[in-house]
Each structure stands twice: as C-alpha cells, then as structure tokens.
Amino acid sequence: MKRKPLVLALALSLALLALLLACKKKEEFAPLKKGAPAPDFALKDMSGNLVKLSDFKGKVVLIEFFATWCPPCKMAIPELNELQARHAGSNLVILGISIDE
C-alpha cells in the first residue's frame, strides 16, 4: 500500500485548516493547553443530522479536512475508508469534513 498519497493528503488538509484558521479573527480562538480536551464543535452530516465532537468522547478521533476539488484528498479517501473498516468496532473514529461550500 502506498503511503505517500495519504501523507500528502494529510499535509494538504493541515495546510487548509491553517488557512481557514488564519482567516478568523485571532480573538475568536483561545490557545489550547497540552492535555486539554479539544473544543467541542457541531456540524451537520450528509443526512442533515447534527454531529458533535463530544459525541465521540473517550474515542480516538482522526479528523480529515478535505475538498472534492483536491486530487490528493480524493486519493486519500479510499485509504481512510480502509483504515476505518480495519478498525471497525475499535476506539477509532474517522471524521471527514468537507470544506467545499
């Protein structure tokens, strides 16, 4: 299995997240403390249901930010699906968050 596309997609996702965060006003964000829980957020899933990060408390959550126009992102999706399938029933949850409008 090739890891390069997944690493590239994750790096691109982090860069996109950094760009999104840079567009927000600095006073909107409080610094996170090491070991502190991630701040809760809520988004709608593809069915319109509200999903909160706190719904997965106690689990390992991998958050993938992607865009449908991003080739590396599209290449990473099957690998993330496989990872989720391999760890079905475990403590791992993979959340894919589209930054498309």
PDB file of N, CA and C in Angstrom:
ATOM      1  N   MET A   1       0.851  -1.182   0.000  1.00  0.00           N
ATOM      2  CA  MET A   1       0.000   0.000   0.000  1.00  0.00           C
ATOM      3  C   MET A   1       0.894   1.240   0.000  1.00  0.00           C
ATOM      4  N   LYS A   2       0.609   2.184  -0.843  1.00  0.00           N
ATOM      5  CA  LYS A   2       1.392   3.403  -0.917  1.00  0.00           C
ATOM      6  C   LYS A   2       0.931   4.376   0.155  1.00  0.00           C
ATOM      7  N   ARG A   3       1.886   4.883   0.913  1.00  0.00           N
ATOM      8  CA  ARG A   3       1.581   5.826   1.999  1.00  0.00           C
ATOM      9  C   ARG A   3       1.718   7.274   1.533  1.00  0.00           C
ATOM     10  N   LYS A   4       2.450   7.503   0.448  1.00  0.00           N
ATOM     11  CA  LYS A   4       2.726   8.866   0.009  1.00  0.00           C
ATOM     12  C   LYS A   4       1.457   9.671  -0.254  1.00  0.00           C
ATOM     13  N   PRO A   5       0.441   9.133  -0.978  1.00  0.00           N
ATOM     14  CA  PRO A   5      -0.773   9.939  -1.184  1.00  0.00           C
ATOM     15  C   PRO A   5      -1.482  10.297   0.116  1.00  0.00           C
ATOM     16  N   LEU A   6      -1.503   9.369   1.076  1.00  0.00           N
ATOM     17  CA  LEU A   6      -2.164   9.650   2.348  1.00  0.00           C
ATOM     18  C   LEU A   6      -1.421  10.740   3.103  1.00  0.00           C
ATOM     19  N   VAL A   7      -0.102  10.658   3.133  1.00  0.00           N
ATOM     20  CA  VAL A   7       0.695  11.669   3.821  1.00  0.00           C
ATOM     21  C   VAL A   7       0.514  13.020   3.146  1.00  0.00           C
ATOM     22  N   LEU A   8       0.521  13.024   1.820  1.00  0.00           N
ATOM     23  CA  LEU A   8       0.324  14.267   1.079  1.00  0.00           C
ATOM     24  C   LEU A   8      -1.061  14.859   1.355  1.00  0.00           C
ATOM     25  N   ALA A   9      -2.072  14.018   1.365  1.00  0.00           N
ATOM     26  CA  ALA A   9      -3.433  14.496   1.630  1.00  0.00           C
ATOM     27  C   ALA A   9      -3.555  15.046   3.045  1.00  0.00           C
ATOM     28  N   LEU A  10      -2.942  14.378   4.016  1.00  0.00           N
ATOM     29  CA  LEU A  10      -2.996  14.867   5.395  1.00  0.00           C
ATOM     30  C   LEU A  10      -2.269  16.194   5.526  1.00  0.00           C
ATOM     31  N   ALA A  11      -1.117  16.319   4.844  1.00  0.00           N
ATOM     32  CA  ALA A  11      -0.372  17.572   4.890  1.00  0.00           C
ATOM     33  C   ALA A  11      -1.190  18.701   4.260  1.00  0.00           C
ATOM     34  N   LEU A  12      -1.846  18.402   3.133  1.00  0.00           N
ATOM     35  CA  LEU A  12      -2.686  19.403   2.483  1.00  0.00           C
ATOM     36  C   LEU A  12      -3.861  19.780   3.381  1.00  0.00           C
ATOM     37  N   SER A  13      -4.426  18.794   4.049  1.00  0.00           N
ATOM     38  CA  SER A  13      -5.547  19.059   4.949  1.00  0.00           C
ATOM     39  C   SER A  13      -5.131  19.987   6.083  1.00  0.00           C
ATOM     40  N   LEU A  14      -3.952  19.752   6.632  1.00  0.00           N
ATOM     41  CA  LEU A  14      -3.471  20.616   7.715  1.00  0.00           C
ATOM     42  C   LEU A  14      -3.207  22.026   7.201  1.00  0.00           C
ATOM     43  N   ALA A  15      -2.689  22.128   5.981  1.00  0.00           N
ATOM     44  CA  ALA A  15      -2.451  23.448   5.398  1.00  0.00           C
ATOM     45  C   ALA A  15      -3.770  24.185   5.178  1.00  0.00           C
ATOM     46  N   LEU A  16      -4.793  23.474   4.701  1.00  0.00           N
ATOM     47  CA  LEU A  16      -6.101  24.096   4.503  1.00  0.00           C
ATOM     48  C   LEU A  16      -6.705  24.543   5.830  1.00  0.00           C
ATOM     49  N   LEU A  17      -6.541  23.715   6.852  1.00  0.00           N
ATOM     50  CA  LEU A  17      -7.048  24.084   8.172  1.00  0.00           C
ATOM     51  C   LEU A  17      -6.342  25.330   8.682  1.00  0.00           C
ATOM     52  N   ALA A  18      -5.027  25.385   8.493  1.00  0.00           N
ATOM     53  CA  ALA A  18      -4.274  26.562   8.928  1.00  0.00           C
ATOM     54  C   ALA A  18      -4.758  27.812   8.193  1.00  0.00           C
ATOM     55  N   LEU A  19      -5.037  27.668   6.912  1.00  0.00           N
ATOM     56  CA  LEU A  19      -5.542  28.789   6.131  1.00  0.00           C
ATOM     57  C   LEU A  19      -6.906  29.240   6.645  1.00  0.00           C
ATOM     58  N   LEU A  20      -7.787  28.282   6.929  1.00  0.00           N
ATOM     59  CA  LEU A  20      -9.109  28.631   7.451  1.00  0.00           C
ATOM     60  C   LEU A  20      -8.999  29.333   8.793  1.00  0.00           C
ATOM     61  N   LEU A  21      -8.117  28.823   9.646  1.00  0.00           N
ATOM     62  CA  LEU A  21      -7.948  29.432  10.966  1.00  0.00           C
ATOM     63  C   LEU A  21      -7.349  30.827  10.844  1.00  0.00           C
ATOM     64  N   ALA A  22      -6.468  31.027   9.874  1.00  0.00           N
ATOM     65  CA  ALA A  22      -5.850  32.334   9.696  1.00  0.00           C
ATOM     66  C   ALA A  22      -6.870  33.375   9.255  1.00  0.00           C
ATOM     67  N   CYS A  23      -7.941  32.931   8.621  1.00  0.00           N
ATOM     68  CA  CYS A  23      -8.979  33.851   8.157  1.00  0.00           C
ATOM     69  C   CYS A  23      -9.883  34.312   9.287  1.00  0.00           C
ATOM     70  N   LYS A  24      -9.865  33.634  10.400  1.00  0.00           N
ATOM     71  CA  LYS A  24     -10.685  34.014  11.544  1.00  0.00           C
ATOM     72  C   LYS A  24      -9.953  35.085  12.359  1.00  0.00           C
ATOM     73  N   LYS A  25     -10.700  35.854  13.103  1.00  0.00           N
ATOM     74  CA  LYS A  25     -10.092  36.841  13.985  1.00  0.00           C
ATOM     75  C   LYS A  25      -9.366  36.105  15.107  1.00  0.00           C
ATOM     76  N   LYS A  26      -8.183  36.587  15.442  1.00  0.00           N
ATOM     77  CA  LYS A  26      -7.370  35.926  16.461  1.00  0.00           C
ATOM     78  C   LYS A  26      -8.077  35.863  17.812  1.00  0.00           C
ATOM     79  N   GLU A  27      -8.871  36.877  18.136  1.00  0.00           N
ATOM     80  CA  GLU A  27      -9.533  36.881  19.436  1.00  0.00           C
ATOM     81  C   GLU A  27     -10.634  35.831  19.540  1.00  0.00           C
ATOM     82  N   GLU A  28     -11.011  35.203  18.425  1.00  0.00           N
ATOM     83  CA  GLU A  28     -12.040  34.165  18.460  1.00  0.00           C
ATOM     84  C   GLU A  28     -11.492  32.835  18.987  1.00  0.00           C
ATOM     85  N   PHE A  29     -10.164  32.706  19.040  1.00  0.00           N
ATOM     86  CA  PHE A  29      -9.553  31.442  19.416  1.00  0.00           C
ATOM     87  C   PHE A  29      -8.744  31.592  20.693  1.00  0.00           C
ATOM     88  N   ALA A  30      -9.008  30.713  21.636  1.00  0.00           N
ATOM     89  CA  ALA A  30      -8.193  30.663  22.838  1.00  0.00           C
ATOM     90  C   ALA A  30      -7.138  29.580  22.636  1.00  0.00           C
ATOM     91  N   PRO A  31      -5.925  29.786  23.124  1.00  0.00           N
ATOM     92  CA  PRO A  31      -4.894  28.762  22.946  1.00  0.00           C
ATOM     93  C   PRO A  31      -5.289  27.474  23.673  1.00  0.00           C
ATOM     94  N   LEU A  32      -4.956  26.359  23.062  1.00  0.00           N
ATOM     95  CA  LEU A  32      -5.239  25.068  23.689  1.00  0.00           C
ATOM     96  C   LEU A  32      -4.104  24.702  24.622  1.00  0.00           C
ATOM     97  N   LYS A  33      -4.446  24.094  25.734  1.00  0.00           N
ATOM     98  CA  LYS A  33      -3.433  23.648  26.675  1.00  0.00           C
ATOM     99  C   LYS A  33      -3.148  22.179  26.434  1.00  0.00           C
ATOM    100  N   LYS A  34      -1.882  21.812  26.538  1.00  0.00           N
ATOM    101  CA  LYS A  34      -1.472  20.427  26.337  1.00  0.00           C
ATOM    102  C   LYS A  34      -2.245  19.513  27.279  1.00  0.00           C
ATOM    103  N   GLY A  35      -2.827  18.475  26.714  1.00  0.00           N
ATOM    104  CA  GLY A  35      -3.579  17.507  27.504  1.00  0.00           C
ATOM    105  C   GLY A  35      -5.038  17.881  27.715  1.00  0.00           C
ATOM    106  N   ALA A  36      -5.399  19.096  27.341  1.00  0.00           N
ATOM    107  CA  ALA A  36      -6.795  19.535  27.498  1.00  0.00           C
ATOM    108  C   ALA A  36      -7.634  18.930  26.375  1.00  0.00           C
ATOM    109  N   PRO A  37      -8.905  18.687  26.638  1.00  0.00           N
ATOM    110  CA  PRO A  37      -9.754  18.157  25.560  1.00  0.00           C
ATOM    111  C   PRO A  37      -9.935  19.179  24.449  1.00  0.00           C
ATOM    112  N   ALA A  38     -10.143  18.678  23.246  1.00  0.00           N
ATOM    113  CA  ALA A  38     -10.393  19.557  22.102  1.00  0.00           C
ATOM    114  C   ALA A  38     -11.713  20.289  22.331  1.00  0.00           C
ATOM    115  N   PRO A  39     -11.808  21.518  21.855  1.00  0.00           N
ATOM    116  CA  PRO A  39     -13.082  22.227  21.993  1.00  0.00           C
ATOM    117  C   PRO A  39     -14.170  21.534  21.181  1.00  0.00           C
ATOM    118  N   ASP A  40     -15.358  21.523  21.709  1.00  0.00           N
ATOM    119  CA  ASP A  40     -16.468  20.858  21.027  1.00  0.00           C
ATOM    120  C   ASP A  40     -16.910  21.687  19.825  1.00  0.00           C
ATOM    121  N   PHE A  41     -17.392  21.019  18.824  1.00  0.00           N
ATOM    122  CA  PHE A  41     -17.991  21.685  17.674  1.00  0.00           C
ATOM    123  C   PHE A  41     -19.105  20.801  17.156  1.00  0.00           C
ATOM    124  N   ALA A  42     -19.977  21.367  16.368  1.00  0.00           N
ATOM    125  CA  ALA A  42     -21.100  20.618  15.802  1.00  0.00           C
ATOM    126  C   ALA A  42     -21.245  20.985  14.330  1.00  0.00           C
ATOM    127  N   LEU A  43     -21.445  19.974  13.502  1.00  0.00           N
ATOM    128  CA  LEU A  43     -21.681  20.146  12.072  1.00  0.00           C
ATOM    129  C   LEU A  43     -22.765  19.171  11.646  1.00  0.00           C
ATOM    130  N   LYS A  44     -23.390  19.449  10.528  1.00  0.00           N
ATOM    131  CA  LYS A  44     -24.395  18.513  10.008  1.00  0.00           C
ATOM    132  C   LYS A  44     -23.722  17.476   9.118  1.00  0.00           C
ATOM    133  N   ASP A  45     -24.187  16.220   9.226  1.00  0.00           N
ATOM    134  CA  ASP A  45     -23.671  15.173   8.349  1.00  0.00           C
ATOM    135  C   ASP A  45     -24.417  15.216   7.018  1.00  0.00           C
ATOM    136  N   MET A  46     -24.105  14.279   6.132  1.00  0.00           N
ATOM    137  CA  MET A  46     -24.699  14.292   4.793  1.00  0.00           C
ATOM    138  C   MET A  46     -26.207  14.079   4.826  1.00  0.00           C
ATOM    139  N   SER A  47     -26.725  13.531   5.916  1.00  0.00           N
ATOM    140  CA  SER A  47     -28.171  13.326   6.045  1.00  0.00           C
ATOM    141  C   SER A  47     -28.860  14.485   6.745  1.00  0.00           C
ATOM    142  N   GLY A  48     -28.072  15.485   7.138  1.00  0.00           N
ATOM    143  CA  GLY A  48     -28.646  16.639   7.818  1.00  0.00           C
ATOM    144  C   GLY A  48     -28.694  16.501   9.333  1.00  0.00           C
ATOM    145  N   ASN A  49     -28.181  15.397   9.870  1.00  0.00           N
ATOM    146  CA  ASN A  49     -28.165  15.191  11.317  1.00  0.00           C
ATOM    147  C   ASN A  49     -26.995  15.946  11.941  1.00  0.00           C
ATOM    148  N   LEU A  50     -27.207  16.511  13.117  1.00  0.00           N
ATOM    149  CA  LEU A  50     -26.162  17.231  13.821  1.00  0.00           C
ATOM    150  C   LEU A  50     -25.202  16.230  14.468  1.00  0.00           C
ATOM    151  N   VAL A  51     -23.920  16.411  14.219  1.00  0.00           N
ATOM    152  CA  VAL A  51     -22.879  15.564  14.801  1.00  0.00           C
ATOM    153  C   VAL A  51     -21.949  16.467  15.586  1.00  0.00           C
ATOM    154  N   LYS A  52     -21.729  16.130  16.857  1.00  0.00           N
ATOM    155  CA  LYS A  52     -20.846  16.912  17.714  1.00  0.00           C
ATOM    156  C   LYS A  52     -19.588  16.110  18.008  1.00  0.00           C
ATOM    157  N   LEU A  53     -18.475  16.790  18.145  1.00  0.00           N
ATOM    158  CA  LEU A  53     -17.236  16.117  18.527  1.00  0.00           C
ATOM    159  C   LEU A  53     -17.424  15.405  19.859  1.00  0.00           C
ATOM    160  N   SER A  54     -18.172  16.005  20.767  1.00  0.00           N
ATOM    161  CA  SER A  54     -18.389  15.404  22.090  1.00  0.00           C
ATOM    162  C   SER A  54     -19.160  14.083  22.006  1.00  0.00           C
ATOM    163  N   ASP A  55     -19.809  13.800  20.870  1.00  0.00           N
ATOM    164  CA  ASP A  55     -20.482  12.507  20.689  1.00  0.00           C
ATOM    165  C   ASP A  55     -19.485  11.355  20.730  1.00  0.00           C
ATOM    166  N   PHE A  56     -18.208  11.651  20.495  1.00  0.00           N
ATOM    167  CA  PHE A  56     -17.178  10.619  20.402  1.00  0.00           C
ATOM    168  C   PHE A  56     -16.228  10.658  21.593  1.00  0.00           C
ATOM    169  N   LYS A  57     -16.685  11.217  22.703  1.00  0.00           N
ATOM    170  CA  LYS A  57     -15.847  11.310  23.901  1.00  0.00           C
ATOM    171  C   LYS A  57     -15.324   9.931  24.295  1.00  0.00           C
ATOM    172  N   GLY A  58     -14.036   9.864  24.605  1.00  0.00           N
ATOM    173  CA  GLY A  58     -13.413   8.605  25.002  1.00  0.00           C
ATOM    174  C   GLY A  58     -12.881   7.794  23.829  1.00  0.00           C
ATOM    175  N   LYS A  59     -13.068   8.284  22.628  1.00  0.00           N
ATOM    176  CA  LYS A  59     -12.581   7.588  21.440  1.00  0.00           C
ATOM    177  C   LYS A  59     -11.411   8.357  20.827  1.00  0.00           C
ATOM    178  N   VAL A  60     -10.655   7.669  20.001  1.00  0.00           N
ATOM    179  CA  VAL A  60      -9.591   8.305  19.237  1.00  0.00           C
ATOM    180  C   VAL A  60     -10.239   8.833  17.962  1.00  0.00           C
ATOM    181  N   VAL A  61     -10.162  10.147  17.752  1.00  0.00           N
ATOM    182  CA  VAL A  61     -10.830  10.768  16.617  1.00  0.00           C
ATOM    183  C   VAL A  61      -9.785  11.345  15.667  1.00  0.00           C
ATOM    184  N   LEU A  62      -9.820  10.873  14.429  1.00  0.00           N
ATOM    185  CA  LEU A  62      -8.979  11.411  13.373  1.00  0.00           C
ATOM    186  C   LEU A  62      -9.890  12.278  12.514  1.00  0.00           C
ATOM    187  N   ILE A  63      -9.555  13.557  12.408  1.00  0.00           N
ATOM    188  CA  ILE A  63     -10.376  14.479  11.624  1.00  0.00           C
ATOM    189  C   ILE A  63      -9.641  14.784  10.322  1.00  0.00           C
ATOM    190  N   GLU A  64     -10.291  14.495   9.210  1.00  0.00           N
ATOM    191  CA  GLU A  64      -9.732  14.737   7.882  1.00  0.00           C
ATOM    192  C   GLU A  64     -10.512  15.865   7.234  1.00  0.00           C
ATOM    193  N   PHE A  65      -9.836  16.989   6.979  1.00  0.00           N
ATOM    194  CA  PHE A  65     -10.440  18.084   6.240  1.00  0.00           C
ATOM    195  C   PHE A  65     -10.114  17.864   4.771  1.00  0.00           C
ATOM    196  N   PHE A  66     -11.118  17.927   3.916  1.00  0.00           N
ATOM    197  CA  PHE A  66     -10.877  17.666   2.500  1.00  0.00           C
ATOM    198  C   PHE A  66     -11.761  18.559   1.643  1.00  0.00           C
ATOM    199  N   ALA A  67     -11.462  18.559   0.358  1.00  0.00           N
ATOM    200  CA  ALA A  67     -12.292  19.255  -0.622  1.00  0.00           C
ATOM    201  C   ALA A  67     -12.437  18.335  -1.823  1.00  0.00           C
ATOM    202  N   THR A  68     -13.586  18.342  -2.429  1.00  0.00           N
ATOM    203  CA  THR A  68     -13.834  17.440  -3.552  1.00  0.00           C
ATOM    204  C   THR A  68     -13.023  17.828  -4.782  1.00  0.00           C
ATOM    205  N   TRP A  69     -12.540  19.054  -4.852  1.00  0.00           N
ATOM    206  CA  TRP A  69     -11.731  19.503  -5.980  1.00  0.00           C
ATOM    207  C   TRP A  69     -10.253  19.187  -5.793  1.00  0.00           C
ATOM    208  N   CYS A  70      -9.884  18.618  -4.670  1.00  0.00           N
ATOM    209  CA  CYS A  70      -8.485  18.371  -4.300  1.00  0.00           C
ATOM    210  C   CYS A  70      -8.079  16.936  -4.661  1.00  0.00           C
ATOM    211  N   PRO A  71      -7.241  16.749  -5.695  1.00  0.00           N
ATOM    212  CA  PRO A  71      -6.845  15.386  -6.090  1.00  0.00           C
ATOM    213  C   PRO A  71      -6.206  14.569  -4.962  1.00  0.00           C
ATOM    214  N   PRO A  72      -5.260  15.116  -4.172  1.00  0.00           N
ATOM    215  CA  PRO A  72      -4.699  14.303  -3.084  1.00  0.00           C
ATOM    216  C   PRO A  72      -5.754  13.905  -2.042  1.00  0.00           C
ATOM    217  N   CYS A  73      -6.712  14.811  -1.814  1.00  0.00           N
ATOM    218  CA  CYS A  73      -7.784  14.494  -0.865  1.00  0.00           C
ATOM    219  C   CYS A  73      -8.606  13.309  -1.373  1.00  0.00           C
ATOM    220  N   LYS A  74      -8.938  13.349  -2.664  1.00  0.00           N
ATOM    221  CA  LYS A  74      -9.729  12.262  -3.254  1.00  0.00           C
ATOM    222  C   LYS A  74      -8.962  10.945  -3.217  1.00  0.00           C
ATOM    223  N   MET A  75      -7.636  11.021  -3.371  1.00  0.00           N
ATOM    224  CA  MET A  75      -6.821   9.800  -3.325  1.00  0.00           C
ATOM    225  C   MET A  75      -6.769   9.223  -1.904  1.00  0.00           C
ATOM    226  N   ALA A  76      -6.868  10.071  -0.898  1.00  0.00           N
ATOM    227  CA  ALA A  76      -6.772   9.608   0.487  1.00  0.00           C
ATOM    228  C   ALA A  76      -8.057   8.960   0.986  1.00  0.00           C
ATOM    229  N   ILE A  77      -9.195   9.319   0.412  1.00  0.00           N
ATOM    230  CA  ILE A  77     -10.480   8.830   0.916  1.00  0.00           C
ATOM    231  C   ILE A  77     -10.560   7.300   0.948  1.00  0.00           C
ATOM    232  N   PRO A  78     -10.172   6.573  -0.113  1.00  0.00           N
ATOM    233  CA  PRO A  78     -10.240   5.109  -0.031  1.00  0.00           C
ATOM    234  C   PRO A  78      -9.342   4.535   1.078  1.00  0.00           C
ATOM    235  N   GLU A  79      -8.181   5.156   1.282  1.00  0.00           N
ATOM    236  CA  GLU A  79      -7.290   4.680   2.344  1.00  0.00           C
ATOM    237  C   GLU A  79      -7.902   4.926   3.720  1.00  0.00           C
ATOM    238  N   LEU A  80      -8.546   6.066   3.891  1.00  0.00           N
ATOM    239  CA  LEU A  80      -9.199   6.342   5.169  1.00  0.00           C
ATOM    240  C   LEU A  80     -10.385   5.409   5.389  1.00  0.00           C
ATOM    241  N   ASN A  81     -11.131   5.120   4.322  1.00  0.00           N
ATOM    242  CA  ASN A  81     -12.234   4.150   4.430  1.00  0.00           C
ATOM    243  C   ASN A  81     -11.709   2.781   4.833  1.00  0.00           C
ATOM    244  N   GLU A  82     -10.586   2.383   4.238  1.00  0.00           N
ATOM    245  CA  GLU A  82      -9.983   1.086   4.579  1.00  0.00           C
ATOM    246  C   GLU A  82      -9.512   1.071   6.033  1.00  0.00           C
ATOM    247  N   LEU A  83      -8.901   2.161   6.457  1.00  0.00           N
ATOM    248  CA  LEU A  83      -8.446   2.270   7.850  1.00  0.00           C
ATOM    249  C   LEU A  83      -9.625   2.140   8.810  1.00  0.00           C
ATOM    250  N   GLN A  84     -10.721   2.826   8.500  1.00  0.00           N
ATOM    251  CA  GLN A  84     -11.918   2.751   9.343  1.00  0.00           C
ATOM    252  C   GLN A  84     -12.470   1.326   9.368  1.00  0.00           C
ATOM    253  N   ALA A  85     -12.511   0.670   8.200  1.00  0.00           N
ATOM    254  CA  ALA A  85     -13.025  -0.704   8.121  1.00  0.00           C
ATOM    255  C   ALA A  85     -12.140  -1.665   8.910  1.00  0.00           C
ATOM    256  N   ARG A  86     -10.818  -1.477   8.806  1.00  0.00           N
ATOM    257  CA  ARG A  86      -9.883  -2.348   9.530  1.00  0.00           C
ATOM    258  C   ARG A  86     -10.048  -2.223  11.037  1.00  0.00           C
ATOM    259  N   HIS A  87     -10.447  -1.050  11.488  1.00  0.00           N
ATOM    260  CA  HIS A  87     -10.581  -0.801  12.932  1.00  0.00           C
ATOM    261  C   HIS A  87     -12.039  -0.709  13.370  1.00  0.00           C
ATOM    262  N   ALA A  88     -12.932  -1.267  12.565  1.00  0.00           N
ATOM    263  CA  ALA A  88     -14.358  -1.271  12.929  1.00  0.00           C
ATOM    264  C   ALA A  88     -14.530  -1.947  14.281  1.00  0.00           C
ATOM    265  N   GLY A  89     -15.336  -1.365  15.110  1.00  0.00           N
ATOM    266  CA  GLY A  89     -15.575  -1.923  16.435  1.00  0.00           C
ATOM    267  C   GLY A  89     -14.519  -1.511  17.454  1.00  0.00           C
ATOM    268  N   SER A  90     -13.524  -0.766  17.020  1.00  0.00           N
ATOM    269  CA  SER A  90     -12.483  -0.314  17.941  1.00  0.00           C
ATOM    270  C   SER A  90     -12.814   1.083  18.445  1.00  0.00           C
ATOM    271  N   ASN A  91     -11.837   1.701  19.024  1.00  0.00           N
ATOM    272  CA  ASN A  91     -11.987   3.035  19.599  1.00  0.00           C
ATOM    273  C   ASN A  91     -11.740   4.144  18.573  1.00  0.00           C
ATOM    274  N   LEU A  92     -11.444   3.779  17.321  1.00  0.00           N
ATOM    275  CA  LEU A  92     -11.087   4.773  16.300  1.00  0.00           C
ATOM    276  C   LEU A  92     -12.319   5.265  15.547  1.00  0.00           C
ATOM    277  N   VAL A  93     -12.405   6.581  15.408  1.00  0.00           N
ATOM    278  CA  VAL A  93     -13.460   7.216  14.615  1.00  0.00           C
ATOM    279  C   VAL A  93     -12.758   8.147  13.635  1.00  0.00           C
ATOM    280  N   ILE A  94     -13.136   8.070  12.364  1.00  0.00           N
ATOM    281  CA  ILE A  94     -12.582   8.980  11.365  1.00  0.00           C
ATOM    282  C   ILE A  94     -13.711   9.885  10.893  1.00  0.00           C
ATOM    283  N   LEU A  95     -13.515  11.176  11.079  1.00  0.00           N
ATOM    284  CA  LEU A  95     -14.495  12.170  10.638  1.00  0.00           C
ATOM    285  C   LEU A  95     -13.927  12.898   9.425  1.00  0.00           C
ATOM    286  N   GLY A  96     -14.616  12.859   8.323  1.00  0.00           N
ATOM    287  CA  GLY A  96     -14.242  13.601   7.137  1.00  0.00           C
ATOM    288  C   GLY A  96     -15.060  14.862   7.058  1.00  0.00           C
ATOM    289  N   ILE A  97     -14.392  16.010   7.017  1.00  0.00           N
ATOM    290  CA  ILE A  97     -15.082  17.292   6.988  1.00  0.00           C
ATOM    291  C   ILE A  97     -14.739  17.989   5.674  1.00  0.00           C
ATOM    292  N   SER A  98     -15.752  18.165   4.850  1.00  0.00           N
ATOM    293  CA  SER A  98     -15.566  18.824   3.574  1.00  0.00           C
ATOM    294  C   SER A  98     -15.543  20.341   3.765  1.00  0.00           C
ATOM    295  N   ILE A  99     -14.570  20.974   3.131  1.00  0.00           N
ATOM    296  CA  ILE A  99     -14.517  22.426   3.197  1.00  0.00           C
ATOM    297  C   ILE A  99     -15.127  23.057   1.956  1.00  0.00           C
ATOM    298  N   ASP A 100     -15.740  22.213   1.102  1.00  0.00           N
ATOM    299  CA  ASP A 100     -16.466  22.736  -0.046  1.00  0.00           C
ATOM    300  C   ASP A 100     -17.681  23.521   0.468  1.00  0.00           C
ATOM    301  N   GLU A 101     -18.115  24.502  -0.303  1.00  0.00           N
ATOM    302  CA  GLU A 101     -19.290  25.253   0.128  1.00  0.00           C
ATOM    303  C   GLU A 101     -20.550  24.630  -0.386  1.00  0.00           C
TER     304      GLU A 101
END
